[in-house]
PDB file of N, CA and C in Angstrom:
ATOM      1  N   MET A   1      76.485 108.864 109.574  1.00  0.00           N
ATOM      2  CA  MET A   1      76.231 107.694 108.768  1.00  0.00           C
ATOM      3  C   MET A   1      77.006 106.516 109.347  1.00  0.00           C
ATOM      4  N   ARG A   2      76.375 105.388 109.442  1.00  0.00           N
ATOM      5  CA  ARG A   2      76.986 104.192 110.002  1.00  0.00           C
ATOM      6  C   ARG A   2      77.769 103.431 108.947  1.00  0.00           C
ATOM      7  N   LYS A   3      78.967 103.060 109.279  1.00  0.00           N
ATOM      8  CA  LYS A   3      79.771 102.249 108.362  1.00  0.00           C
ATOM      9  C   LYS A   3      79.426 100.790 108.574  1.00  0.00           C
ATOM     10  N   ALA A   4      79.373 100.041 107.501  1.00  0.00           N
ATOM     11  CA  ALA A   4      79.098  98.614 107.619  1.00  0.00           C
ATOM     12  C   ALA A   4      79.884  97.872 106.556  1.00  0.00           C
ATOM     13  N   ASN A   5      80.152  96.648 106.826  1.00  0.00           N
ATOM     14  CA  ASN A   5      80.855  95.786 105.886  1.00  0.00           C
ATOM     15  C   ASN A   5      80.080  94.506 105.701  1.00  0.00           C
ATOM     16  N   LYS A   6      80.183  93.969 104.512  1.00  0.00           N
ATOM     17  CA  LYS A   6      79.618  92.653 104.270  1.00  0.00           C
ATOM     18  C   LYS A   6      80.710  91.637 104.545  1.00  0.00           C
ATOM     19  N   VAL A   7      80.381  90.649 105.317  1.00  0.00           N
ATOM     20  CA  VAL A   7      81.334  89.585 105.609  1.00  0.00           C
ATOM     21  C   VAL A   7      80.690  88.282 105.182  1.00  0.00           C
ATOM     22  N   LYS A   8      81.391  87.529 104.361  1.00  0.00           N
ATOM     23  CA  LYS A   8      80.844  86.270 103.870  1.00  0.00           C
ATOM     24  C   LYS A   8      81.477  85.103 104.591  1.00  0.00           C
ATOM     25  N   LYS A   9      80.657  84.131 104.910  1.00  0.00           N
ATOM     26  CA  LYS A   9      81.170  82.874 105.434  1.00  0.00           C
ATOM     27  C   LYS A   9      80.993  81.861 104.310  1.00  0.00           C
ATOM     28  N   GLU A  10      82.085  81.436 103.734  1.00  0.00           N
ATOM     29  CA  GLU A  10      82.026  80.501 102.618  1.00  0.00           C
ATOM     30  C   GLU A  10      81.938  79.073 103.135  1.00  0.00           C
ATOM     31  N   SER A  11      80.874  78.445 102.852  1.00  0.00           N
ATOM     32  CA  SER A  11      80.678  77.037 103.179  1.00  0.00           C
ATOM     33  C   SER A  11      79.537  76.552 102.315  1.00  0.00           C
ATOM     34  N   LYS A  12      78.964  75.412 102.669  1.00  0.00           N
ATOM     35  CA  LYS A  12      77.847  74.915 101.866  1.00  0.00           C
ATOM     36  C   LYS A  12      76.672  75.879 101.925  1.00  0.00           C
ATOM     37  N   ASP A  13      76.525  76.596 103.036  1.00  0.00           N
ATOM     38  CA  ASP A  13      75.468  77.602 103.145  1.00  0.00           C
ATOM     39  C   ASP A  13      76.099  78.987 103.070  1.00  0.00           C
ATOM     40  N   LYS A  14      76.244  79.503 101.850  1.00  0.00           N
ATOM     41  CA  LYS A  14      76.854  80.817 101.667  1.00  0.00           C
ATOM     42  C   LYS A  14      75.978  81.851 102.350  1.00  0.00           C
ATOM     43  N   LYS A  15      76.628  82.685 103.128  1.00  0.00           N
ATOM     44  CA  LYS A  15      75.895  83.614 103.967  1.00  0.00           C
ATOM     45  C   LYS A  15      76.603  84.965 103.949  1.00  0.00           C
ATOM     46  N   THR A  16      75.834  86.035 103.881  1.00  0.00           N
ATOM     47  CA  THR A  16      76.395  87.375 103.929  1.00  0.00           C
ATOM     48  C   THR A  16      75.836  88.100 105.136  1.00  0.00           C
ATOM     49  N   GLU A  17      76.719  88.719 105.888  1.00  0.00           N
ATOM     50  CA  GLU A  17      76.323  89.476 107.082  1.00  0.00           C
ATOM     51  C   GLU A  17      76.796  90.915 106.916  1.00  0.00           C
ATOM     52  N   LEU A  18      76.028  91.837 107.454  1.00  0.00           N
ATOM     53  CA  LEU A  18      76.407  93.237 107.480  1.00  0.00           C
ATOM     54  C   LEU A  18      76.853  93.569 108.892  1.00  0.00           C
ATOM     55  N   LEU A  19      78.094  94.030 109.051  1.00  0.00           N
ATOM     56  CA  LEU A  19      78.636  94.284 110.384  1.00  0.00           C
ATOM     57  C   LEU A  19      79.102  95.731 110.523  1.00  0.00           C
ATOM     58  N   ASN A  20      78.995  96.248 111.729  1.00  0.00           N
ATOM     59  CA  ASN A  20      79.357  97.624 112.045  1.00  0.00           C
ATOM     60  C   ASN A  20      80.871  97.756 112.229  1.00  0.00           C
ATOM     61  N   LEU A  21      81.469  98.732 111.562  1.00  0.00           N
ATOM     62  CA  LEU A  21      82.911  98.960 111.697  1.00  0.00           C
ATOM     63  C   LEU A  21      83.244  99.955 112.799  1.00  0.00           C
ATOM     64  N   ASN A  22      82.239 100.575 113.366  1.00  0.00           N
ATOM     65  CA  ASN A  22      82.471 101.551 114.435  1.00  0.00           C
ATOM     66  C   ASN A  22      82.392 100.889 115.798  1.00  0.00           C
ATOM     67  N   CYS A  23      83.040  99.753 115.929  1.00  0.00           N
ATOM     68  CA  CYS A  23      83.103  99.072 117.223  1.00  0.00           C
ATOM     69  C   CYS A  23      84.543  98.608 117.441  1.00  0.00           C
ATOM     70  N   ARG A  24      84.820  98.174 118.614  1.00  0.00           N
ATOM     71  CA  ARG A  24      86.170  97.726 118.963  1.00  0.00           C
ATOM     72  C   ARG A  24      86.444  96.368 118.315  1.00  0.00           C
ATOM     73  N   ILE A  25      87.698  96.129 117.985  1.00  0.00           N
ATOM     74  CA  ILE A  25      88.088  94.894 117.305  1.00  0.00           C
ATOM     75  C   ILE A  25      87.712  93.676 118.135  1.00  0.00           C
ATOM     76  N   VAL A  26      87.923  93.726 119.435  1.00  0.00           N
ATOM     77  CA  VAL A  26      87.613  92.590 120.304  1.00  0.00           C
ATOM     78  C   VAL A  26      86.122  92.232 120.218  1.00  0.00           C
ATOM     79  N   ASN A  27      85.244  93.230 120.173  1.00  0.00           N
ATOM     80  CA  ASN A  27      83.809  92.980 120.066  1.00  0.00           C
ATOM     81  C   ASN A  27      83.424  92.487 118.674  1.00  0.00           C
ATOM     82  N   PHE A  28      84.073  93.039 117.653  1.00  0.00           N
ATOM     83  CA  PHE A  28      83.815  92.648 116.276  1.00  0.00           C
ATOM     84  C   PHE A  28      84.143  91.170 116.064  1.00  0.00           C
ATOM     85  N   VAL A  29      85.301  90.749 116.563  1.00  0.00           N
ATOM     86  CA  VAL A  29      85.731  89.354 116.409  1.00  0.00           C
ATOM     87  C   VAL A  29      84.774  88.419 117.146  1.00  0.00           C
ATOM     88  N   TYR A  30      84.370  88.809 118.343  1.00  0.00           N
ATOM     89  CA  TYR A  30      83.425  88.003 119.122  1.00  0.00           C
ATOM     90  C   TYR A  30      82.109  87.838 118.350  1.00  0.00           C
ATOM     91  N   CYS A  31      81.587  88.931 117.833  1.00  0.00           N
ATOM     92  CA  CYS A  31      80.337  88.905 117.069  1.00  0.00           C
ATOM     93  C   CYS A  31      80.491  88.077 115.792  1.00  0.00           C
ATOM     94  N   LEU A  32      81.612  88.221 115.127  1.00  0.00           N
ATOM     95  CA  LEU A  32      81.887  87.479 113.899  1.00  0.00           C
ATOM     96  C   LEU A  32      81.877  85.971 114.156  1.00  0.00           C
ATOM     97  N   LYS A  33      82.514  85.556 115.239  1.00  0.00           N
ATOM     98  CA  LYS A  33      82.548  84.129 115.591  1.00  0.00           C
ATOM     99  C   LYS A  33      81.150  83.614 115.907  1.00  0.00           C
ATOM    100  N   GLN A  34      80.348  84.424 116.583  1.00  0.00           N
ATOM    101  CA  GLN A  34      78.979  84.016 116.908  1.00  0.00           C
ATOM    102  C   GLN A  34      78.145  83.865 115.646  1.00  0.00           C
ATOM    103  N   LYS A  35      78.201  84.850 114.764  1.00  0.00           N
ATOM    104  CA  LYS A  35      77.399  84.821 113.539  1.00  0.00           C
ATOM    105  C   LYS A  35      77.795  83.662 112.629  1.00  0.00           C
ATOM    106  N   CYS A  36      79.065  83.296 112.655  1.00  0.00           N
ATOM    107  CA  CYS A  36      79.549  82.198 111.815  1.00  0.00           C
ATOM    108  C   CYS A  36      79.499  80.855 112.536  1.00  0.00           C
ATOM    109  N   LYS A  37      78.997  80.868 113.764  1.00  0.00           N
ATOM    110  CA  LYS A  37      78.881  79.651 114.581  1.00  0.00           C
ATOM    111  C   LYS A  37      80.228  78.939 114.717  1.00  0.00           C
ATOM    112  N   LEU A  38      81.249  79.721 115.052  1.00  0.00           N
ATOM    113  CA  LEU A  38      82.592  79.178 115.252  1.00  0.00           C
ATOM    114  C   LEU A  38      82.896  79.085 116.738  1.00  0.00           C
ATOM    115  N   ASP A  39      83.765  78.165 117.078  1.00  0.00           N
ATOM    116  CA  ASP A  39      84.223  78.013 118.458  1.00  0.00           C
ATOM    117  C   ASP A  39      84.935  79.301 118.885  1.00  0.00           C
ATOM    118  N   PRO A  40      84.652  79.821 120.078  1.00  0.00           N
ATOM    119  CA  PRO A  40      85.303  81.054 120.541  1.00  0.00           C
ATOM    120  C   PRO A  40      86.829  80.956 120.616  1.00  0.00           C
ATOM    121  N   GLN A  41      87.371  79.741 120.712  1.00  0.00           N
ATOM    122  CA  GLN A  41      88.822  79.561 120.797  1.00  0.00           C
ATOM    123  C   GLN A  41      89.502  79.612 119.425  1.00  0.00           C
ATOM    124  N   VAL A  42      88.732  79.469 118.355  1.00  0.00           N
ATOM    125  CA  VAL A  42      89.278  79.481 117.002  1.00  0.00           C
ATOM    126  C   VAL A  42      89.701  80.902 116.640  1.00  0.00           C
ATOM    127  N   GLN A  43      90.842  81.024 115.984  1.00  0.00           N
ATOM    128  CA  GLN A  43      91.268  82.335 115.505  1.00  0.00           C
ATOM    129  C   GLN A  43      90.708  82.545 114.109  1.00  0.00           C
ATOM    130  N   VAL A  44      90.224  83.755 113.859  1.00  0.00           N
ATOM    131  CA  VAL A  44      89.655  84.075 112.554  1.00  0.00           C
ATOM    132  C   VAL A  44      90.405  85.243 111.935  1.00  0.00           C
ATOM    133  N   ASP A  45      90.310  85.314 110.625  1.00  0.00           N
ATOM    134  CA  ASP A  45      90.837  86.446 109.890  1.00  0.00           C
ATOM    135  C   ASP A  45      89.899  86.699 108.726  1.00  0.00           C
ATOM    136  N   LEU A  46      90.086  87.816 108.058  1.00  0.00           N
ATOM    137  CA  LEU A  46      89.260  88.169 106.915  1.00  0.00           C
ATOM    138  C   LEU A  46      90.139  88.321 105.686  1.00  0.00           C
ATOM    139  N   LEU A  47      89.605  87.891 104.559  1.00  0.00           N
ATOM    140  CA  LEU A  47      90.300  87.964 103.282  1.00  0.00           C
ATOM    141  C   LEU A  47      89.514  88.908 102.387  1.00  0.00           C
ATOM    142  N   ASP A  48      90.185  89.901 101.788  1.00  0.00           N
ATOM    143  CA  ASP A  48      89.462  90.808 100.895  1.00  0.00           C
ATOM    144  C   ASP A  48      89.485  90.263  99.470  1.00  0.00           C
ATOM    145  N   ARG A  49      88.859  90.985  98.555  1.00  0.00           N
ATOM    146  CA  ARG A  49      88.742  90.505  97.168  1.00  0.00           C
ATOM    147  C   ARG A  49      90.079  90.392  96.444  1.00  0.00           C
ATOM    148  N   SER A  50      91.065  91.169  96.890  1.00  0.00           N
ATOM    149  CA  SER A  50      92.373  91.109  96.235  1.00  0.00           C
ATOM    150  C   SER A  50      93.251  89.991  96.798  1.00  0.00           C
ATOM    151  N   GLY A  51      92.744  89.287  97.833  1.00  0.00           N
ATOM    152  CA  GLY A  51      93.489  88.180  98.418  1.00  0.00           C
ATOM    153  C   GLY A  51      94.352  88.572  99.601  1.00  0.00           C
ATOM    154  N   GLU A  52      94.214  89.792 100.082  1.00  0.00           N
ATOM    155  CA  GLU A  52      94.992  90.266 101.225  1.00  0.00           C
ATOM    156  C   GLU A  52      94.293  89.929 102.536  1.00  0.00           C
ATOM    157  N   LEU A  53      95.069  89.467 103.514  1.00  0.00           N
ATOM    158  CA  LEU A  53      94.531  89.211 104.849  1.00  0.00           C
ATOM    159  C   LEU A  53      94.410  90.520 105.618  1.00  0.00           C
ATOM    160  N   ALA A  54      93.382  90.617 106.450  1.00  0.00           N
ATOM    161  CA  ALA A  54      93.184  91.807 107.283  1.00  0.00           C
ATOM    162  C   ALA A  54      94.042  91.748 108.544  1.00  0.00           C
ATOM    163  N   HIS A  55      94.576  90.594 108.885  1.00  0.00           N
ATOM    164  CA  HIS A  55      95.402  90.368 110.082  1.00  0.00           C
ATOM    165  C   HIS A  55      94.637  90.658 111.367  1.00  0.00           C
ATOM    166  N   LEU A  56      93.385  90.252 111.390  1.00  0.00           N
ATOM    167  CA  LEU A  56      92.553  90.370 112.592  1.00  0.00           C
ATOM    168  C   LEU A  56      93.097  89.522 113.721  1.00  0.00           C
ATOM    169  N   MET A  57      93.657  88.372 113.381  1.00  0.00           N
ATOM    170  CA  MET A  57      94.109  87.431 114.408  1.00  0.00           C
ATOM    171  C   MET A  57      95.193  88.038 115.289  1.00  0.00           C
ATOM    172  N   GLU A  58      95.980  88.964 114.741  1.00  0.00           N
ATOM    173  CA  GLU A  58      97.057  89.583 115.512  1.00  0.00           C
ATOM    174  C   GLU A  58      96.537  90.654 116.461  1.00  0.00           C
ATOM    175  N   MET A  59      95.350  91.166 116.181  1.00  0.00           N
ATOM    176  CA  MET A  59      94.799  92.256 116.985  1.00  0.00           C
ATOM    177  C   MET A  59      93.481  91.854 117.632  1.00  0.00           C
ATOM    178  N   GLU A  60      93.256  90.577 117.776  1.00  0.00           N
ATOM    179  CA  GLU A  60      91.983  90.039 118.241  1.00  0.00           C
ATOM    180  C   GLU A  60      91.506  90.637 119.566  1.00  0.00           C
ATOM    181  N   HIS A  61      92.415  91.016 120.441  1.00  0.00           N
ATOM    182  CA  HIS A  61      92.037  91.543 121.755  1.00  0.00           C
ATOM    183  C   HIS A  61      92.229  93.059 121.843  1.00  0.00           C
ATOM    184  N   SER A  62      92.396  93.699 120.707  1.00  0.00           N
ATOM    185  CA  SER A  62      92.647  95.139 120.673  1.00  0.00           C
ATOM    186  C   SER A  62      91.377  95.938 120.955  1.00  0.00           C
ATOM    187  N   MET A  63      91.559  97.097 121.566  1.00  0.00           N
ATOM    188  CA  MET A  63      90.443  98.000 121.835  1.00  0.00           C
ATOM    189  C   MET A  63      90.331  99.070 120.741  1.00  0.00           C
ATOM    190  N   ASP A  64      91.152  98.973 119.692  1.00  0.00           N
ATOM    191  CA  ASP A  64      91.063  99.907 118.564  1.00  0.00           C
ATOM    192  C   ASP A  64      89.782  99.653 117.787  1.00  0.00           C
ATOM    193  N   LEU A  65      89.368 100.628 117.003  1.00  0.00           N
ATOM    194  CA  LEU A  65      88.175 100.461 116.179  1.00  0.00           C
ATOM    195  C   LEU A  65      88.482  99.597 114.958  1.00  0.00           C
ATOM    196  N   VAL A  66      87.512  98.827 114.540  1.00  0.00           N
ATOM    197  CA  VAL A  66      87.660  97.963 113.370  1.00  0.00           C
ATOM    198  C   VAL A  66      87.908  98.808 112.121  1.00  0.00           C
ATOM    199  N   SER A  67      87.363 100.000 112.098  1.00  0.00           N
ATOM    200  CA  SER A  67      87.517 100.872 110.930  1.00  0.00           C
ATOM    201  C   SER A  67      88.979 101.234 110.657  1.00  0.00           C
ATOM    202  N   THR A  68      89.876 101.010 111.621  1.00  0.00           N
ATOM    203  CA  THR A  68      91.301 101.248 111.378  1.00  0.00           C
ATOM    204  C   THR A  68      91.924 100.122 110.553  1.00  0.00           C
ATOM    205  N   LEU A  69      91.253  98.966 110.514  1.00  0.00           N
ATOM    206  CA  LEU A  69      91.765  97.808 109.764  1.00  0.00           C
ATOM    207  C   LEU A  69      91.036  97.559 108.452  1.00  0.00           C
ATOM    208  N   LEU A  70      89.728  97.751 108.468  1.00  0.00           N
ATOM    209  CA  LEU A  70      88.899  97.381 107.326  1.00  0.00           C
ATOM    210  C   LEU A  70      88.337  98.609 106.629  1.00  0.00           C
ATOM    211  N   LYS A  71      88.095  98.467 105.341  1.00  0.00           N
ATOM    212  CA  LYS A  71      87.484  99.543 104.562  1.00  0.00           C
ATOM    213  C   LYS A  71      85.972  99.360 104.572  1.00  0.00           C
ATOM    214  N   SER A  72      85.268 100.466 104.631  1.00  0.00           N
ATOM    215  CA  SER A  72      83.807 100.379 104.630  1.00  0.00           C
ATOM    216  C   SER A  72      83.304  99.972 103.246  1.00  0.00           C
ATOM    217  N   ARG A  73      82.144  99.374 103.229  1.00  0.00           N
ATOM    218  CA  ARG A  73      81.450  98.949 102.002  1.00  0.00           C
ATOM    219  C   ARG A  73      82.261  97.963 101.159  1.00  0.00           C
ATOM    220  N   GLN A  74      82.984  97.085 101.820  1.00  0.00           N
ATOM    221  CA  GLN A  74      83.764  96.057 101.139  1.00  0.00           C
ATOM    222  C   GLN A  74      83.258  94.682 101.543  1.00  0.00           C
ATOM    223  N   ASN A  75      83.547  93.706 100.728  1.00  0.00           N
ATOM    224  CA  ASN A  75      83.214  92.320 101.051  1.00  0.00           C
ATOM    225  C   ASN A  75      84.468  91.606 101.529  1.00  0.00           C
ATOM    226  N   TYR A  76      84.309  90.821 102.583  1.00  0.00           N
ATOM    227  CA  TYR A  76      85.406  90.033 103.133  1.00  0.00           C
ATOM    228  C   TYR A  76      84.929  88.603 103.333  1.00  0.00           C
ATOM    229  N   ILE A  77      85.841  87.670 103.229  1.00  0.00           N
ATOM    230  CA  ILE A  77      85.537  86.261 103.464  1.00  0.00           C
ATOM    231  C   ILE A  77      86.169  85.859 104.786  1.00  0.00           C
ATOM    232  N   VAL A  78      85.391  85.182 105.627  1.00  0.00           N
ATOM    233  CA  VAL A  78      85.874  84.746 106.937  1.00  0.00           C
ATOM    234  C   VAL A  78      86.738  83.504 106.768  1.00  0.00           C
ATOM    235  N   LEU A  79      87.906  83.525 107.403  1.00  0.00           N
ATOM    236  CA  LEU A  79      88.806  82.375 107.395  1.00  0.00           C
ATOM    237  C   LEU A  79      89.024  81.897 108.815  1.00  0.00           C
ATOM    238  N   SER A  80      88.974  80.603 108.997  1.00  0.00           N
ATOM    239  CA  SER A  80      89.361  80.009 110.267  1.00  0.00           C
ATOM    240  C   SER A  80      90.856  79.752 110.160  1.00  0.00           C
ATOM    241  N   VAL A  81      91.636  80.361 111.037  1.00  0.00           N
ATOM    242  CA  VAL A  81      93.092  80.345 110.905  1.00  0.00           C
ATOM    243  C   VAL A  81      93.674  79.058 111.477  1.00  0.00           C
ATOM    244  N   THR A  82      94.469  78.393 110.665  1.00  0.00           N
ATOM    245  CA  THR A  82      95.166  77.179 111.082  1.00  0.00           C
ATOM    246  C   THR A  82      96.631  77.524 111.326  1.00  0.00           C
ATOM    247  N   PRO A  83      97.361  76.665 112.020  1.00  0.00           N
ATOM    248  CA  PRO A  83      98.795  76.926 112.232  1.00  0.00           C
ATOM    249  C   PRO A  83      99.562  77.133 110.921  1.00  0.00           C
ATOM    250  N   MET A  84      99.174  76.436 109.852  1.00  0.00           N
ATOM    251  CA  MET A  84      99.864  76.578 108.571  1.00  0.00           C
ATOM    252  C   MET A  84      99.664  77.979 108.001  1.00  0.00           C
ATOM    253  N   LEU A  85      98.446  78.505 108.092  1.00  0.00           N
ATOM    254  CA  LEU A  85      98.175  79.850 107.593  1.00  0.00           C
ATOM    255  C   LEU A  85      98.959  80.891 108.384  1.00  0.00           C
ATOM    256  N   LYS A  86      99.090  80.682 109.693  1.00  0.00           N
ATOM    257  CA  LYS A  86      99.879  81.602 110.520  1.00  0.00           C
ATOM    258  C   LYS A  86     101.328  81.628 110.039  1.00  0.00           C
ATOM    259  N   LYS A  87     101.900  80.441 109.759  1.00  0.00           N
ATOM    260  CA  LYS A  87     103.283  80.364 109.301  1.00  0.00           C
ATOM    261  C   LYS A  87     103.444  81.080 107.967  1.00  0.00           C
ATOM    262  N   LEU A  88     102.522  80.851 107.043  1.00  0.00           N
ATOM    263  CA  LEU A  88     102.601  81.492 105.733  1.00  0.00           C
ATOM    264  C   LEU A  88     102.481  83.004 105.854  1.00  0.00           C
ATOM    265  N   SER A  89     101.609  83.460 106.718  1.00  0.00           N
ATOM    266  CA  SER A  89     101.428  84.893 106.935  1.00  0.00           C
ATOM    267  C   SER A  89     102.701  85.519 107.494  1.00  0.00           C
ATOM    268  N   ASN A  90     103.342  84.858 108.438  1.00  0.00           N
ATOM    269  CA  ASN A  90     104.583  85.367 109.021  1.00  0.00           C
ATOM    270  C   ASN A  90     105.716  85.380 108.003  1.00  0.00           C
ATOM    271  N   LEU A  91     105.755  84.377 107.120  1.00  0.00           N
ATOM    272  CA  LEU A  91     106.788  84.344 106.091  1.00  0.00           C
ATOM    273  C   LEU A  91     106.660  85.532 105.154  1.00  0.00           C
ATOM    274  N   SER A  92     105.433  85.869 104.755  1.00  0.00           N
ATOM    275  CA  SER A  92     105.259  86.993 103.839  1.00  0.00           C
ATOM    276  C   SER A  92     105.634  88.305 104.512  1.00  0.00           C
ATOM    277  N   LYS A  93     105.386  88.438 105.809  1.00  0.00           N
ATOM    278  CA  LYS A  93     105.776  89.653 106.533  1.00  0.00           C
ATOM    279  C   LYS A  93     107.290  89.781 106.567  1.00  0.00           C
ATOM    280  N   LYS A  94     107.989  88.671 106.849  1.00  0.00           N
ATOM    281  CA  LYS A  94     109.450  88.700 106.899  1.00  0.00           C
ATOM    282  C   LYS A  94     110.011  89.083 105.536  1.00  0.00           C
ATOM    283  N   ARG A  95     109.404  88.546 104.474  1.00  0.00           N
ATOM    284  CA  ARG A  95     109.847  88.851 103.123  1.00  0.00           C
ATOM    285  C   ARG A  95     109.664  90.345 102.835  1.00  0.00           C
ATOM    286  N   ASP A  96     108.519  90.918 103.242  1.00  0.00           N
ATOM    287  CA  ASP A  96     108.258  92.339 103.041  1.00  0.00           C
ATOM    288  C   ASP A  96     109.273  93.187 103.789  1.00  0.00           C
ATOM    289  N   LYS A  97     109.612  92.796 105.020  1.00  0.00           N
ATOM    290  CA  LYS A  97     110.583  93.556 105.808  1.00  0.00           C
ATOM    291  C   LYS A  97     111.950  93.518 105.142  1.00  0.00           C
ATOM    292  N   ARG A  98     112.340  92.337 104.634  1.00  0.00           N
ATOM    293  CA  ARG A  98     113.646  92.210 103.989  1.00  0.00           C
ATOM    294  C   ARG A  98     113.726  93.097 102.752  1.00  0.00           C
ATOM    295  N   SER A  99     112.693  93.088 101.926  1.00  0.00           N
ATOM    296  CA  SER A  99     112.732  93.901 100.710  1.00  0.00           C
ATOM    297  C   SER A  99     112.693  95.381 101.048  1.00  0.00           C
ATOM    298  N   ALA A 100     111.997  95.762 102.120  1.00  0.00           N
ATOM    299  CA  ALA A 100     111.946  97.166 102.537  1.00  0.00           C
ATOM    300  C   ALA A 100     113.306  97.624 103.051  1.00  0.00           C
ATOM    301  N   LEU A 101     114.026  96.745 103.735  1.00  0.00           N
ATOM    302  CA  LEU A 101     115.344  97.105 104.257  1.00  0.00           C
ATOM    303  C   LEU A 101     116.328  97.383 103.125  1.00  0.00           C
ATOM    304  N   LYS A 102     116.190  96.696 102.021  1.00  0.00           N
ATOM    305  CA  LYS A 102     117.075  96.927 100.890  1.00  0.00           C
ATOM    306  C   LYS A 102     116.817  98.301 100.275  1.00  0.00           C
ATOM    307  N   LYS A 103     115.571  98.758 100.309  1.00  0.00           N
ATOM    308  CA  LYS A 103     115.212 100.025  99.681  1.00  0.00           C
ATOM    309  C   LYS A 103     115.584 101.230 100.530  1.00  0.00           C
ATOM    310  N   GLY A 104     115.555 101.111 101.857  1.00  0.00           N
ATOM    311  CA  GLY A 104     115.832 102.257 102.707  1.00  0.00           C
ATOM    312  C   GLY A 104     116.196 101.813 104.099  1.00  0.00           C
ATOM    313  N   SER A 105     116.419 102.783 104.965  1.00  0.00           N
ATOM    314  CA  SER A 105     116.824 102.437 106.326  1.00  0.00           C
ATOM    315  C   SER A 105     115.620 102.132 107.206  1.00  0.00           C
ATOM    316  N   VAL A 106     115.888 101.563 108.365  1.00  0.00           N
ATOM    317  CA  VAL A 106     114.841 101.206 109.317  1.00  0.00           C
ATOM    318  C   VAL A 106     114.084 102.444 109.770  1.00  0.00           C
ATOM    319  N   THR A 107     114.767 103.559 109.957  1.00  0.00           N
ATOM    320  CA  THR A 107     114.124 104.795 110.399  1.00  0.00           C
ATOM    321  C   THR A 107     113.063 105.234 109.401  1.00  0.00           C
ATOM    322  N   GLN A 108     113.354 105.156 108.125  1.00  0.00           N
ATOM    323  CA  GLN A 108     112.380 105.544 107.104  1.00  0.00           C
ATOM    324  C   GLN A 108     111.173 104.622 107.125  1.00  0.00           C
ATOM    325  N   ILE A 109     111.368 103.355 107.347  1.00  0.00           N
ATOM    326  CA  ILE A 109     110.260 102.402 107.387  1.00  0.00           C
ATOM    327  C   ILE A 109     109.335 102.729 108.544  1.00  0.00           C
ATOM    328  N   LYS A 110     109.903 102.996 109.710  1.00  0.00           N
ATOM    329  CA  LYS A 110     109.078 103.322 110.874  1.00  0.00           C
ATOM    330  C   LYS A 110     108.262 104.580 110.628  1.00  0.00           C
ATOM    331  N   THR A 111     108.843 105.567 109.977  1.00  0.00           N
ATOM    332  CA  THR A 111     108.129 106.805 109.685  1.00  0.00           C
ATOM    333  C   THR A 111     106.957 106.534 108.757  1.00  0.00           C
ATOM    334  N   LYS A 112     107.161 105.712 107.748  1.00  0.00           N
ATOM    335  CA  LYS A 112     106.090 105.392 106.809  1.00  0.00           C
ATOM    336  C   LYS A 112     104.952 104.672 107.507  1.00  0.00           C
ATOM    337  N   VAL A 113     105.261 103.714 108.347  1.00  0.00           N
ATOM    338  CA  VAL A 113     104.226 102.960 109.049  1.00  0.00           C
ATOM    339  C   VAL A 113     103.410 103.877 109.938  1.00  0.00           C
ATOM    340  N   THR A 114     104.072 104.782 110.657  1.00  0.00           N
ATOM    341  CA  THR A 114     103.373 105.700 111.546  1.00  0.00           C
ATOM    342  C   THR A 114     102.440 106.609 110.764  1.00  0.00           C
ATOM    343  N   SER A 115     102.911 107.169 109.655  1.00  0.00           N
ATOM    344  CA  SER A 115     102.060 108.079 108.894  1.00  0.00           C
ATOM    345  C   SER A 115     100.906 107.342 108.237  1.00  0.00           C
ATOM    346  N   THR A 116     101.111 106.114 107.816  1.00  0.00           N
ATOM    347  CA  THR A 116     100.044 105.334 107.211  1.00  0.00           C
ATOM    348  C   THR A 116      98.963 105.026 108.221  1.00  0.00           C
ATOM    349  N   SER A 117      99.358 104.613 109.429  1.00  0.00           N
ATOM    350  CA  SER A 117      98.352 104.270 110.429  1.00  0.00           C
ATOM    351  C   SER A 117      97.563 105.497 110.851  1.00  0.00           C
ATOM    352  N   THR A 118      98.168 106.671 110.836  1.00  0.00           N
ATOM    353  CA  THR A 118      97.456 107.899 111.180  1.00  0.00           C
ATOM    354  C   THR A 118      96.420 108.217 110.113  1.00  0.00           C
ATOM    355  N   LYS A 119      96.784 108.051 108.852  1.00  0.00           N
ATOM    356  CA  LYS A 119      95.844 108.338 107.771  1.00  0.00           C
ATOM    357  C   LYS A 119      94.678 107.368 107.761  1.00  0.00           C
ATOM    358  N   SER A 120      94.931 106.104 108.061  1.00  0.00           N
ATOM    359  CA  SER A 120      93.852 105.116 107.997  1.00  0.00           C
ATOM    360  C   SER A 120      92.805 105.350 109.067  1.00  0.00           C
ATOM    361  N   GLY A 121      93.164 106.003 110.174  1.00  0.00           N
ATOM    362  CA  GLY A 121      92.208 106.261 111.239  1.00  0.00           C
ATOM    363  C   GLY A 121      91.308 107.446 110.935  1.00  0.00           C
ATOM    364  N   ALA A 122      91.712 108.305 109.972  1.00  0.00           N
ATOM    365  CA  ALA A 122      90.918 109.483 109.658  1.00  0.00           C
ATOM    366  C   ALA A 122      89.753 109.111 108.756  1.00  0.00           C
ATOM    367  N   PRO A 123      88.598 109.738 108.957  1.00  0.00           N
ATOM    368  CA  PRO A 123      87.457 109.431 108.099  1.00  0.00           C
ATOM    369  C   PRO A 123      87.716 109.910 106.681  1.00  0.00           C
ATOM    370  N   THR A 124      87.276 109.152 105.710  1.00  0.00           N
ATOM    371  CA  THR A 124      87.454 109.509 104.321  1.00  0.00           C
ATOM    372  C   THR A 124      86.236 110.278 103.844  1.00  0.00           C
ATOM    373  N   PRO A 125      86.400 111.191 102.902  1.00  0.00           N
ATOM    374  CA  PRO A 125      85.250 111.955 102.407  1.00  0.00           C
ATOM    375  C   PRO A 125      84.208 111.029 101.799  1.00  0.00           C
ATOM    376  N   GLY A 126      82.971 111.259 102.113  1.00  0.00           N
ATOM    377  CA  GLY A 126      81.879 110.476 101.541  1.00  0.00           C
ATOM    378  C   GLY A 126      81.573 109.200 102.271  1.00  0.00           C
ATOM    379  N   SER A 127      82.257 108.912 103.396  1.00  0.00           N
ATOM    380  CA  SER A 127      81.936 107.674 104.114  1.00  0.00           C
ATOM    381  C   SER A 127      81.224 107.960 105.399  1.00  0.00           C
TER     382      SER A 127
END
């Protein structure tokens, strides 16, 4: 079964696209920019319904599969990333790291990140 995601480009012409998650991130981003008629030099990211960024811009040239970042059968909104959004995104990451350091040691954090990334790459039942 093919995984697909709906990606919305919010503008005066609201548009929904269905995209394949079983492709490399670099190809997905290229296709996304083409479908949204964006300049290839512009950095893009996706926003889910809960307001969380997918952080595509950080992995734009990655050869990993998109399915490691995005959930299947979800709606995402395309964002054109500005320098201000990059700064805000980095601030929230620093804040998360600081609060995690208070709760436990760096070794425990690294272990959690590794196990989480391994689980996200595994196919989920029913998808």
